[in-house]
């Protein structure tokens, strides 16, 4: 689904879908790492969202990514998720 249809309740209500998200999504999946980086940077800078990720899936071994500007909390969040993925 398009981002606005799962994130903005007014737009979701106008779409002919019976999605349970109804404009209340809080997790977004992007088709590539590049698209994900663009999406989470926009959310962080414009929306003041807390950013965790990118979280990588589908690799032979567990791995995730940290941005160059990450802080200690970002590292802790990535470690927590990576640990959970490897169980």
C-alpha atoms as a PDB file:
ATOM      1  CA  UNK A   1       0.000   0.000   0.000  1.00  0.00           C
ATOM      2  CA  UNK A   2       1.090   3.577  -0.463  1.00  0.00           C
ATOM      3  CA  UNK A   3       2.544   5.383   2.543  1.00  0.00           C
ATOM      4  CA  UNK A   4      -0.185   8.002   2.821  1.00  0.00           C
ATOM      5  CA  UNK A   5      -2.918   5.353   2.757  1.00  0.00           C
ATOM      6  CA  UNK A   6      -1.513   3.521   5.769  1.00  0.00           C
ATOM      7  CA  UNK A   7      -0.277   6.546   7.711  1.00  0.00           C
ATOM      8  CA  UNK A   8      -2.890   9.299   7.281  1.00  0.00           C
ATOM      9  CA  UNK A   9      -6.352   8.306   8.593  1.00  0.00           C
ATOM     10  CA  UNK A  10      -8.203  10.779   6.332  1.00  0.00           C
ATOM     11  CA  UNK A  11      -6.546   9.404   3.206  1.00  0.00           C
ATOM     12  CA  UNK A  12      -7.050   5.828   4.335  1.00  0.00           C
ATOM     13  CA  UNK A  13     -10.760   6.495   4.816  1.00  0.00           C
ATOM     14  CA  UNK A  14     -11.015   7.749   1.236  1.00  0.00           C
ATOM     15  CA  UNK A  15      -9.381   4.626  -0.244  1.00  0.00           C
ATOM     16  CA  UNK A  16     -11.522   1.647  -1.259  1.00  0.00           C
ATOM     17  CA  UNK A  17      -9.768  -0.826   1.006  1.00  0.00           C
ATOM     18  CA  UNK A  18     -10.672  -2.804   4.072  1.00  0.00           C
ATOM     19  CA  UNK A  19      -7.141  -2.659   5.494  1.00  0.00           C
ATOM     20  CA  UNK A  20      -6.974  -2.932   9.289  1.00  0.00           C
ATOM     21  CA  UNK A  21      -4.197  -0.314   9.235  1.00  0.00           C
ATOM     22  CA  UNK A  22      -6.695   2.476   8.548  1.00  0.00           C
ATOM     23  CA  UNK A  23      -4.068   5.202   8.711  1.00  0.00           C
ATOM     24  CA  UNK A  24      -2.447   3.930  11.910  1.00  0.00           C
ATOM     25  CA  UNK A  25       0.669   2.121  10.630  1.00  0.00           C
ATOM     26  CA  UNK A  26       3.841   2.551  12.682  1.00  0.00           C
ATOM     27  CA  UNK A  27       6.143   0.134  10.831  1.00  0.00           C
ATOM     28  CA  UNK A  28       7.149   0.734   7.216  1.00  0.00           C
ATOM     29  CA  UNK A  29       8.878  -1.787   4.950  1.00  0.00           C
ATOM     30  CA  UNK A  30      10.875  -0.493   1.990  1.00  0.00           C
ATOM     31  CA  UNK A  31      11.900  -2.431  -1.131  1.00  0.00           C
ATOM     32  CA  UNK A  32      15.612  -1.655  -0.828  1.00  0.00           C
ATOM     33  CA  UNK A  33      18.192  -0.325   1.612  1.00  0.00           C
ATOM     34  CA  UNK A  34      18.444   2.914  -0.387  1.00  0.00           C
ATOM     35  CA  UNK A  35      14.691   3.500  -0.266  1.00  0.00           C
ATOM     36  CA  UNK A  36      14.670   2.654   3.446  1.00  0.00           C
ATOM     37  CA  UNK A  37      17.437   5.163   4.150  1.00  0.00           C
ATOM     38  CA  UNK A  38      15.516   7.889   2.350  1.00  0.00           C
ATOM     39  CA  UNK A  39      12.278   7.001   4.155  1.00  0.00           C
ATOM     40  CA  UNK A  40      13.688   6.878   7.656  1.00  0.00           C
ATOM     41  CA  UNK A  41      15.711  10.054   7.170  1.00  0.00           C
ATOM     42  CA  UNK A  42      12.542  11.894   6.133  1.00  0.00           C
ATOM     43  CA  UNK A  43      10.641  10.510   9.141  1.00  0.00           C
ATOM     44  CA  UNK A  44      13.439  11.466  11.521  1.00  0.00           C
ATOM     45  CA  UNK A  45      14.105  14.963  10.188  1.00  0.00           C
ATOM     46  CA  UNK A  46      10.587  16.100   9.363  1.00  0.00           C
ATOM     47  CA  UNK A  47       8.464  14.030  11.720  1.00  0.00           C
ATOM     48  CA  UNK A  48      10.811  13.881  14.717  1.00  0.00           C
ATOM     49  CA  UNK A  49      10.317  10.107  14.738  1.00  0.00           C
ATOM     50  CA  UNK A  50      12.476   7.739  16.752  1.00  0.00           C
ATOM     51  CA  UNK A  51      14.452   5.759  14.202  1.00  0.00           C
ATOM     52  CA  UNK A  52      15.578   2.168  14.648  1.00  0.00           C
ATOM     53  CA  UNK A  53      17.332   0.644  11.697  1.00  0.00           C
ATOM     54  CA  UNK A  54      17.690  -0.069   8.976  1.00  0.00           C
ATOM     55  CA  UNK A  55      16.861  -3.628   9.959  1.00  0.00           C
ATOM     56  CA  UNK A  56      18.019  -6.113   7.332  1.00  0.00           C
ATOM     57  CA  UNK A  57      16.141  -9.351   6.615  1.00  0.00           C
ATOM     58  CA  UNK A  58      16.748 -12.289   4.322  1.00  0.00           C
ATOM     59  CA  UNK A  59      20.511 -12.610   4.767  1.00  0.00           C
ATOM     60  CA  UNK A  60      22.287 -15.900   5.467  1.00  0.00           C
ATOM     61  CA  UNK A  61      23.483 -14.492   8.814  1.00  0.00           C
ATOM     62  CA  UNK A  62      22.006 -11.869  11.117  1.00  0.00           C
ATOM     63  CA  UNK A  63      23.226  -8.343  10.349  1.00  0.00           C
ATOM     64  CA  UNK A  64      21.913  -4.801  10.685  1.00  0.00           C
ATOM     65  CA  UNK A  65      23.147  -1.312   9.907  1.00  0.00           C
ATOM     66  CA  UNK A  66      23.952   1.859  11.837  1.00  0.00           C
ATOM     67  CA  UNK A  67      24.200   5.335  10.349  1.00  0.00           C
ATOM     68  CA  UNK A  68      27.355   7.414  10.726  1.00  0.00           C
ATOM     69  CA  UNK A  69      25.512   9.876  12.952  1.00  0.00           C
ATOM     70  CA  UNK A  70      24.161   7.312  15.416  1.00  0.00           C
ATOM     71  CA  UNK A  71      24.343   7.760  19.173  1.00  0.00           C
ATOM     72  CA  UNK A  72      24.629   5.286  22.055  1.00  0.00           C
ATOM     73  CA  UNK A  73      20.859   4.673  22.165  1.00  0.00           C
ATOM     74  CA  UNK A  74      20.853   3.843  18.447  1.00  0.00           C
ATOM     75  CA  UNK A  75      23.621   1.290  19.029  1.00  0.00           C
ATOM     76  CA  UNK A  76      21.714  -0.255  21.941  1.00  0.00           C
ATOM     77  CA  UNK A  77      18.515  -0.469  19.871  1.00  0.00           C
ATOM     78  CA  UNK A  78      20.365  -2.182  17.002  1.00  0.00           C
ATOM     79  CA  UNK A  79      22.058  -4.639  19.366  1.00  0.00           C
ATOM     80  CA  UNK A  80      18.713  -5.494  20.974  1.00  0.00           C
ATOM     81  CA  UNK A  81      17.010  -6.166  17.644  1.00  0.00           C
ATOM     82  CA  UNK A  82      19.981  -8.075  16.206  1.00  0.00           C
ATOM     83  CA  UNK A  83      20.116 -10.276  19.290  1.00  0.00           C
ATOM     84  CA  UNK A  84      16.397 -11.028  19.007  1.00  0.00           C
ATOM     85  CA  UNK A  85      16.755 -11.868  15.305  1.00  0.00           C
ATOM     86  CA  UNK A  86      19.500 -14.392  15.961  1.00  0.00           C
ATOM     87  CA  UNK A  87      17.445 -16.467  18.443  1.00  0.00           C
END
